[in-house]
N, C-alpha and C. Protein backbone atom coordinates (compact mmCIF):
# COMPACT_ATOMS: atom_id res chain seq x y z
N MET A 1 -14.78 -47.72 -32.94
CA MET A 1 -14.86 -48.40 -34.22
C MET A 1 -16.25 -49.00 -34.43
N ALA A 2 -16.74 -49.68 -33.41
CA ALA A 2 -18.06 -50.32 -33.51
C ALA A 2 -19.15 -49.27 -33.70
N LEU A 3 -19.02 -48.13 -33.01
CA LEU A 3 -20.02 -47.08 -33.16
C LEU A 3 -20.01 -46.49 -34.57
N THR A 4 -18.85 -46.40 -35.17
CA THR A 4 -18.74 -45.90 -36.55
C THR A 4 -19.45 -46.85 -37.51
N ILE A 5 -19.19 -48.13 -37.35
CA ILE A 5 -19.83 -49.14 -38.20
C ILE A 5 -21.34 -49.10 -38.00
N LEU A 6 -21.77 -49.02 -36.76
CA LEU A 6 -23.21 -48.95 -36.46
C LEU A 6 -23.83 -47.71 -37.09
N GLY A 7 -23.13 -46.59 -37.03
CA GLY A 7 -23.63 -45.35 -37.65
C GLY A 7 -23.78 -45.49 -39.15
N VAL A 8 -22.81 -46.13 -39.80
CA VAL A 8 -22.88 -46.35 -41.25
C VAL A 8 -24.05 -47.27 -41.59
N VAL A 9 -24.23 -48.31 -40.80
CA VAL A 9 -25.33 -49.25 -41.04
C VAL A 9 -26.68 -48.55 -40.89
N VAL A 10 -26.83 -47.76 -39.87
CA VAL A 10 -28.09 -47.04 -39.64
C VAL A 10 -28.35 -46.05 -40.78
N ALA A 11 -27.34 -45.32 -41.19
CA ALA A 11 -27.49 -44.37 -42.29
C ALA A 11 -27.87 -45.08 -43.58
N SER A 12 -27.25 -46.22 -43.84
CA SER A 12 -27.58 -47.01 -45.03
C SER A 12 -29.01 -47.51 -44.97
N LEU A 13 -29.43 -47.96 -43.81
CA LEU A 13 -30.80 -48.45 -43.64
C LEU A 13 -31.82 -47.35 -43.89
N VAL A 14 -31.55 -46.17 -43.40
CA VAL A 14 -32.45 -45.03 -43.61
C VAL A 14 -32.53 -44.71 -45.10
N ALA A 15 -31.40 -44.70 -45.79
CA ALA A 15 -31.38 -44.39 -47.23
C ALA A 15 -32.14 -45.45 -48.02
N VAL A 16 -31.93 -46.71 -47.72
CA VAL A 16 -32.62 -47.78 -48.43
C VAL A 16 -34.12 -47.73 -48.16
N THR A 17 -34.50 -47.45 -46.93
CA THR A 17 -35.92 -47.35 -46.59
C THR A 17 -36.59 -46.24 -47.38
N GLU A 18 -35.93 -45.11 -47.53
CA GLU A 18 -36.47 -44.00 -48.31
C GLU A 18 -36.61 -44.39 -49.78
N GLN A 19 -35.62 -45.07 -50.32
CA GLN A 19 -35.68 -45.50 -51.72
C GLN A 19 -36.83 -46.48 -51.95
N VAL A 20 -37.03 -47.38 -51.02
CA VAL A 20 -38.13 -48.34 -51.12
C VAL A 20 -39.47 -47.60 -51.09
N GLY A 21 -39.59 -46.61 -50.23
CA GLY A 21 -40.83 -45.83 -50.16
C GLY A 21 -41.12 -45.08 -51.45
N VAL A 22 -40.09 -44.49 -52.04
CA VAL A 22 -40.26 -43.77 -53.32
C VAL A 22 -40.69 -44.75 -54.40
N LYS A 23 -40.04 -45.90 -54.48
CA LYS A 23 -40.38 -46.90 -55.50
C LYS A 23 -41.81 -47.40 -55.30
N ARG A 24 -42.21 -47.61 -54.06
CA ARG A 24 -43.57 -48.07 -53.77
C ARG A 24 -44.60 -47.05 -54.25
N ARG A 25 -44.36 -45.77 -53.99
CA ARG A 25 -45.29 -44.73 -54.44
C ARG A 25 -45.38 -44.69 -55.96
N GLN A 26 -44.24 -44.87 -56.64
CA GLN A 26 -44.24 -44.91 -58.10
C GLN A 26 -45.05 -46.09 -58.62
N LEU A 27 -44.87 -47.25 -58.02
CA LEU A 27 -45.60 -48.43 -58.45
C LEU A 27 -47.09 -48.29 -58.21
N GLU A 28 -47.47 -47.71 -57.06
CA GLU A 28 -48.89 -47.48 -56.78
C GLU A 28 -49.49 -46.52 -57.79
N GLN A 29 -48.76 -45.47 -58.14
CA GLN A 29 -49.24 -44.49 -59.11
C GLN A 29 -49.40 -45.14 -60.49
N ASN A 30 -48.46 -46.00 -60.88
CA ASN A 30 -48.57 -46.70 -62.15
C ASN A 30 -49.74 -47.68 -62.16
N LEU A 31 -50.01 -48.30 -61.02
CA LEU A 31 -51.16 -49.20 -60.92
C LEU A 31 -52.46 -48.43 -61.08
N VAL A 32 -52.57 -47.28 -60.42
CA VAL A 32 -53.76 -46.44 -60.57
C VAL A 32 -53.92 -46.02 -62.03
N ALA A 33 -52.82 -45.64 -62.67
CA ALA A 33 -52.86 -45.22 -64.08
C ALA A 33 -53.34 -46.35 -64.97
N SER A 34 -52.83 -47.55 -64.77
CA SER A 34 -53.23 -48.70 -65.57
C SER A 34 -54.71 -49.02 -65.38
N ARG A 35 -55.17 -48.96 -64.15
CA ARG A 35 -56.59 -49.23 -63.89
C ARG A 35 -57.49 -48.18 -64.51
N LEU A 36 -57.07 -46.92 -64.45
CA LEU A 36 -57.87 -45.85 -65.07
C LEU A 36 -57.94 -46.02 -66.59
N VAL A 37 -56.83 -46.37 -67.21
CA VAL A 37 -56.84 -46.59 -68.66
C VAL A 37 -57.75 -47.76 -69.01
N LYS A 38 -57.70 -48.82 -68.23
CA LYS A 38 -58.59 -49.95 -68.49
C LYS A 38 -60.05 -49.55 -68.34
N GLU A 39 -60.36 -48.84 -67.27
CA GLU A 39 -61.74 -48.39 -67.05
C GLU A 39 -62.20 -47.48 -68.19
N ALA A 40 -61.33 -46.57 -68.61
CA ALA A 40 -61.68 -45.65 -69.69
C ALA A 40 -61.89 -46.39 -71.01
N THR A 41 -61.01 -47.34 -71.32
CA THR A 41 -61.16 -48.08 -72.58
C THR A 41 -62.38 -49.00 -72.54
N ASP A 42 -62.72 -49.51 -71.37
CA ASP A 42 -63.96 -50.29 -71.24
C ASP A 42 -65.17 -49.44 -71.59
N GLN A 43 -65.18 -48.19 -71.12
CA GLN A 43 -66.30 -47.30 -71.43
C GLN A 43 -66.33 -46.96 -72.92
N ILE A 44 -65.18 -46.81 -73.54
CA ILE A 44 -65.12 -46.57 -74.99
C ILE A 44 -65.69 -47.79 -75.72
N ALA A 45 -65.33 -48.98 -75.28
CA ALA A 45 -65.84 -50.21 -75.90
C ALA A 45 -67.35 -50.33 -75.77
N LEU A 46 -67.90 -49.72 -74.73
CA LEU A 46 -69.36 -49.75 -74.52
C LEU A 46 -70.08 -48.68 -75.33
N GLY A 47 -69.34 -47.87 -76.08
CA GLY A 47 -69.97 -46.94 -76.99
C GLY A 47 -69.76 -45.46 -76.74
N LYS A 48 -69.10 -45.08 -75.68
CA LYS A 48 -68.84 -43.66 -75.45
C LYS A 48 -67.78 -43.16 -76.44
N ASP A 49 -67.90 -41.89 -76.84
CA ASP A 49 -66.94 -41.32 -77.78
C ASP A 49 -65.66 -40.84 -77.08
N GLN A 50 -65.83 -40.25 -75.90
CA GLN A 50 -64.70 -39.74 -75.13
C GLN A 50 -64.93 -40.03 -73.65
N VAL A 51 -63.85 -40.30 -72.96
CA VAL A 51 -63.93 -40.56 -71.52
C VAL A 51 -62.78 -39.84 -70.84
N ALA A 52 -63.08 -39.19 -69.72
CA ALA A 52 -62.05 -38.55 -68.89
C ALA A 52 -62.30 -38.98 -67.45
N LEU A 53 -61.29 -39.53 -66.82
CA LEU A 53 -61.39 -40.00 -65.44
C LEU A 53 -60.23 -39.44 -64.62
N SER A 54 -60.42 -39.40 -63.31
CA SER A 54 -59.37 -38.91 -62.43
C SER A 54 -59.47 -39.63 -61.10
N ARG A 55 -58.31 -40.02 -60.57
CA ARG A 55 -58.28 -40.66 -59.26
C ARG A 55 -56.89 -40.50 -58.67
N GLN A 56 -56.83 -40.07 -57.44
CA GLN A 56 -55.58 -39.94 -56.69
C GLN A 56 -54.51 -39.14 -57.44
N GLY A 57 -54.94 -38.08 -58.09
CA GLY A 57 -54.00 -37.21 -58.79
C GLY A 57 -53.61 -37.67 -60.18
N VAL A 58 -54.10 -38.83 -60.59
CA VAL A 58 -53.81 -39.36 -61.93
C VAL A 58 -55.04 -39.12 -62.79
N ARG A 59 -54.82 -38.59 -64.00
CA ARG A 59 -55.93 -38.36 -64.93
C ARG A 59 -55.78 -39.29 -66.12
N ALA A 60 -56.93 -39.70 -66.67
CA ALA A 60 -56.92 -40.55 -67.86
C ALA A 60 -57.91 -39.98 -68.86
N GLN A 61 -57.53 -40.06 -70.12
CA GLN A 61 -58.40 -39.65 -71.22
C GLN A 61 -58.39 -40.77 -72.25
N ALA A 62 -59.55 -41.02 -72.85
CA ALA A 62 -59.63 -42.07 -73.86
C ALA A 62 -60.59 -41.67 -74.97
N THR A 63 -60.25 -42.06 -76.17
CA THR A 63 -61.11 -41.96 -77.35
C THR A 63 -60.90 -43.26 -78.13
N ARG A 64 -61.54 -43.38 -79.27
CA ARG A 64 -61.33 -44.56 -80.11
C ARG A 64 -59.90 -44.62 -80.65
N GLN A 65 -59.22 -43.48 -80.70
CA GLN A 65 -57.85 -43.45 -81.20
C GLN A 65 -56.82 -43.92 -80.17
N GLY A 66 -57.20 -43.97 -78.90
CA GLY A 66 -56.27 -44.44 -77.88
C GLY A 66 -56.60 -43.87 -76.52
N ALA A 67 -55.76 -44.21 -75.56
CA ALA A 67 -55.97 -43.75 -74.19
C ALA A 67 -54.62 -43.49 -73.55
N ARG A 68 -54.64 -42.57 -72.59
CA ARG A 68 -53.41 -42.31 -71.83
C ARG A 68 -53.78 -41.86 -70.44
N ALA A 69 -52.88 -42.17 -69.51
CA ALA A 69 -53.01 -41.71 -68.13
C ALA A 69 -51.77 -40.88 -67.83
N PHE A 70 -51.97 -39.82 -67.09
CA PHE A 70 -50.86 -38.90 -66.85
C PHE A 70 -51.02 -38.16 -65.53
N VAL A 71 -49.90 -37.63 -65.05
CA VAL A 71 -49.85 -36.75 -63.89
C VAL A 71 -49.14 -35.50 -64.39
N GLY A 72 -49.83 -34.37 -64.31
CA GLY A 72 -49.27 -33.15 -64.88
C GLY A 72 -49.12 -33.34 -66.38
N ASN A 73 -47.92 -33.19 -66.89
CA ASN A 73 -47.70 -33.46 -68.31
C ASN A 73 -46.82 -34.69 -68.51
N LYS A 74 -46.69 -35.52 -67.47
CA LYS A 74 -45.91 -36.75 -67.56
C LYS A 74 -46.86 -37.92 -67.83
N THR A 75 -46.69 -38.56 -68.98
CA THR A 75 -47.51 -39.71 -69.35
C THR A 75 -47.00 -40.94 -68.61
N LEU A 76 -47.93 -41.65 -67.95
CA LEU A 76 -47.58 -42.86 -67.22
C LEU A 76 -47.90 -44.11 -68.04
N VAL A 77 -49.06 -44.09 -68.72
CA VAL A 77 -49.50 -45.22 -69.54
C VAL A 77 -50.13 -44.65 -70.79
N GLU A 78 -49.81 -45.25 -71.94
CA GLU A 78 -50.42 -44.81 -73.19
C GLU A 78 -50.62 -46.03 -74.09
N ILE A 79 -51.83 -46.11 -74.68
CA ILE A 79 -52.11 -47.17 -75.63
C ILE A 79 -52.74 -46.55 -76.87
N LYS A 80 -52.51 -47.17 -78.00
CA LYS A 80 -53.08 -46.71 -79.27
C LYS A 80 -54.34 -47.52 -79.56
N GLY A 81 -55.31 -46.85 -80.17
CA GLY A 81 -56.57 -47.50 -80.53
C GLY A 81 -56.63 -47.78 -82.01
N GLU A 82 -57.83 -47.62 -82.55
CA GLU A 82 -58.08 -47.92 -83.96
C GLU A 82 -57.24 -47.10 -84.89
């Protein structure tokens, strides 16, 4: 009985640890996306017409009309401009 309970606890711990790791990677990717959008919009504010940046698999594009950061075709962050 005790071994069964211990087995369930260990399996649950492994599952929760994996979920935490996935969530952490998502949060890190969103942080990179937010920073790239800020950097791109800062460059637009300094007078550039278009900006394209890339870091850690996240790409960002910005113009005066707005900016977005994405991975593949999934948008992570998007803001509207003028």
